[in-house]
């Protein structure tokens, strides 16, 4: 073949003259395809499989135990909330009843009954005995009164 010149355009208008390289005829290369090797029989490592099974069972047991404990905690919290609600309800009922009773009680009538019907009177100054308090948490009723 004769040398032919081809122009290569680089950029927008510049032409560079370059000879077309001659190619040698390609030789056909054959690739050998090897048949797929049949995998040898896989040997099972029994202790490893047993250990893996034991770890899996242990992990499952721990997960279920955790869920059981979490459920019991939630149930306890619900019971506590219900009991707190009941306590609040009972306290409010108790306050209402106490207010009703204090409104019904007439202290003037109590004083009249105590003085007129039962003969109660206020003590005189000489009937009141004061004494120094001892460091006890309780007072015995039948003990002698100490001199002050």
Protein backbone atom coordinates (compact mmCIF):
# COMPACT_ATOMS: atom_id res chain seq x y z
CA UNK A 1 0.00 0.00 0.00
CA UNK A 2 1.14 3.44 -0.71
CA UNK A 3 1.76 5.96 2.00
CA UNK A 4 -1.34 7.95 2.39
CA UNK A 5 -1.48 11.08 4.37
CA UNK A 6 -4.37 11.70 6.57
CA UNK A 7 -5.20 14.89 8.28
CA UNK A 8 -6.11 14.95 11.92
CA UNK A 9 -8.15 17.86 13.16
CA UNK A 10 -7.17 19.10 16.58
CA UNK A 11 -8.90 22.14 17.90
CA UNK A 12 -11.15 23.96 15.54
CA UNK A 13 -9.02 24.76 12.43
CA UNK A 14 -5.49 23.43 12.83
CA UNK A 15 -4.64 20.46 10.63
CA UNK A 16 -1.74 18.25 11.40
CA UNK A 17 -0.42 16.02 8.71
CA UNK A 18 0.28 12.50 9.87
CA UNK A 19 0.93 9.32 8.09
CA UNK A 20 -1.41 6.50 8.77
CA UNK A 21 0.48 3.75 10.54
CA UNK A 22 0.64 0.47 8.78
CA UNK A 23 -0.72 -2.43 10.70
CA UNK A 24 0.54 -5.87 10.39
CA UNK A 25 -2.12 -8.44 9.83
CA UNK A 26 -3.37 -9.69 13.11
CA UNK A 27 -2.77 -13.20 14.04
CA UNK A 28 -5.59 -15.05 15.49
CA UNK A 29 -4.93 -15.85 19.10
CA UNK A 30 -6.77 -18.69 20.53
CA UNK A 31 -7.62 -18.75 24.15
CA UNK A 32 -7.92 -22.07 25.72
CA UNK A 33 -11.02 -22.45 27.76
CA UNK A 34 -10.46 -24.79 30.59
CA UNK A 35 -13.45 -26.71 31.76
CA UNK A 36 -14.76 -25.63 35.13
CA UNK A 37 -13.23 -27.63 37.85
CA UNK A 38 -15.71 -29.55 39.88
CA UNK A 39 -15.23 -28.40 43.44
CA UNK A 40 -13.92 -30.97 45.77
CA UNK A 41 -16.24 -32.10 48.49
CA UNK A 42 -16.30 -29.50 51.23
CA UNK A 43 -15.29 -30.86 54.58
CA UNK A 44 -17.44 -29.67 57.46
CA UNK A 45 -15.63 -28.59 60.60
CA UNK A 46 -17.98 -30.14 63.18
CA UNK A 47 -16.62 -28.37 66.30
CA UNK A 48 -16.91 -25.00 64.55
CA UNK A 49 -20.50 -25.71 63.46
CA UNK A 50 -21.43 -26.85 66.98
CA UNK A 51 -19.86 -23.75 68.52
CA UNK A 52 -21.68 -21.53 66.03
CA UNK A 53 -24.95 -23.30 66.83
CA UNK A 54 -24.39 -22.89 70.58
CA UNK A 55 -23.62 -19.17 70.19
CA UNK A 56 -26.74 -18.72 68.07
CA UNK A 57 -28.94 -20.49 70.63
CA UNK A 58 -27.38 -18.47 73.47
CA UNK A 59 -27.93 -15.21 71.59
CA UNK A 60 -31.57 -16.15 70.92
CA UNK A 61 -32.09 -17.00 74.59
CA UNK A 62 -30.58 -13.67 75.66
CA UNK A 63 -32.79 -11.76 73.23
CA UNK A 64 -35.96 -13.45 74.47
CA UNK A 65 -34.90 -12.96 78.09
CA UNK A 66 -34.33 -9.28 77.44
CA UNK A 67 -37.75 -8.94 75.82
CA UNK A 68 -39.37 -10.75 78.77
CA UNK A 69 -37.66 -8.46 81.31
CA UNK A 70 -38.60 -5.39 79.27
CA UNK A 71 -42.24 -6.52 79.16
CA UNK A 72 -42.31 -7.09 82.93
CA UNK A 73 -40.81 -3.62 83.50
CA UNK A 74 -43.49 -2.08 81.30
CA UNK A 75 -46.22 -4.00 83.15
CA UNK A 76 -44.81 -2.83 86.52
CA UNK A 77 -44.69 0.76 85.34
CA UNK A 78 -48.31 0.52 84.20
CA UNK A 79 -49.33 -0.93 87.58
CA UNK A 80 -47.46 1.86 89.39
CA UNK A 81 -49.16 4.48 87.23
CA UNK A 82 -52.57 2.95 87.99
CA UNK A 83 -51.83 2.87 91.73
CA UNK A 84 -50.63 6.47 91.68
CA UNK A 85 -53.84 7.44 89.91
CA UNK A 86 -55.87 5.62 92.58
CA UNK A 87 -53.90 7.36 95.36
CA UNK A 88 -54.57 10.73 93.78
CA UNK A 89 -58.27 9.93 93.49
CA UNK A 90 -58.51 8.74 97.12
CA UNK A 91 -56.61 11.79 98.40
CA UNK A 92 -58.92 14.16 96.56
CA UNK A 93 -61.98 12.30 97.93
CA UNK A 94 -60.47 12.45 101.41
CA UNK A 95 -59.87 16.21 101.11
CA UNK A 96 -63.46 16.74 99.97
CA UNK A 97 -64.82 14.72 102.92
CA UNK A 98 -62.54 16.51 105.38
CA UNK A 99 -63.70 19.89 104.10
CA UNK A 100 -67.33 18.78 104.37
CA UNK A 101 -66.82 17.59 107.95
CA UNK A 102 -64.98 20.73 109.01
CA UNK A 103 -67.77 22.84 107.51
CA UNK A 104 -70.39 20.84 109.46
CA UNK A 105 -68.52 21.05 112.76
CA UNK A 106 -69.51 24.05 114.86
CA UNK A 107 -66.83 24.80 117.44
CA UNK A 108 -69.21 27.03 119.39
CA UNK A 109 -71.57 24.10 119.87
CA UNK A 110 -68.68 21.87 120.99
CA UNK A 111 -67.64 24.48 123.59
CA UNK A 112 -71.23 24.85 124.83
CA UNK A 113 -71.66 21.10 125.28
CA UNK A 114 -68.28 20.78 127.02
CA UNK A 115 -68.91 23.61 129.49
CA UNK A 116 -72.67 23.35 130.10
CA UNK A 117 -73.43 19.65 129.83
CA UNK A 118 -70.13 18.10 130.93
CA UNK A 119 -68.98 20.74 133.40
CA UNK A 120 -65.56 21.26 131.88
CA UNK A 121 -63.63 24.44 132.78
CA UNK A 122 -60.27 25.96 131.90
CA UNK A 123 -57.49 25.17 134.46
CA UNK A 124 -56.29 27.81 136.93
CA UNK A 125 -52.68 29.02 136.94
CA UNK A 126 -51.82 26.92 140.00
CA UNK A 127 -53.18 23.75 138.37
CA UNK A 128 -50.75 23.89 135.45
CA UNK A 129 -47.32 22.42 136.22
CA UNK A 130 -44.50 22.94 133.76
CA UNK A 131 -41.34 20.83 133.89
CA UNK A 132 -38.19 20.51 131.81
CA UNK A 133 -38.41 18.06 128.98
CA UNK A 134 -36.19 15.02 129.22
CA UNK A 135 -34.52 13.59 126.14
CA UNK A 136 -37.08 10.86 125.58
CA UNK A 137 -39.12 10.10 122.56
CA UNK A 138 -42.18 9.21 124.60
CA UNK A 139 -43.89 10.04 127.90
CA UNK A 140 -45.02 7.40 130.38
CA UNK A 141 -48.46 8.20 131.64
CA UNK A 142 -48.13 6.77 135.18
CA UNK A 143 -44.67 8.11 135.94
CA UNK A 144 -44.19 10.74 138.60
CA UNK A 145 -43.98 14.27 137.31
CA UNK A 146 -40.49 15.63 138.02
CA UNK A 147 -40.08 18.84 140.02
CA UNK A 148 -39.12 21.80 137.95
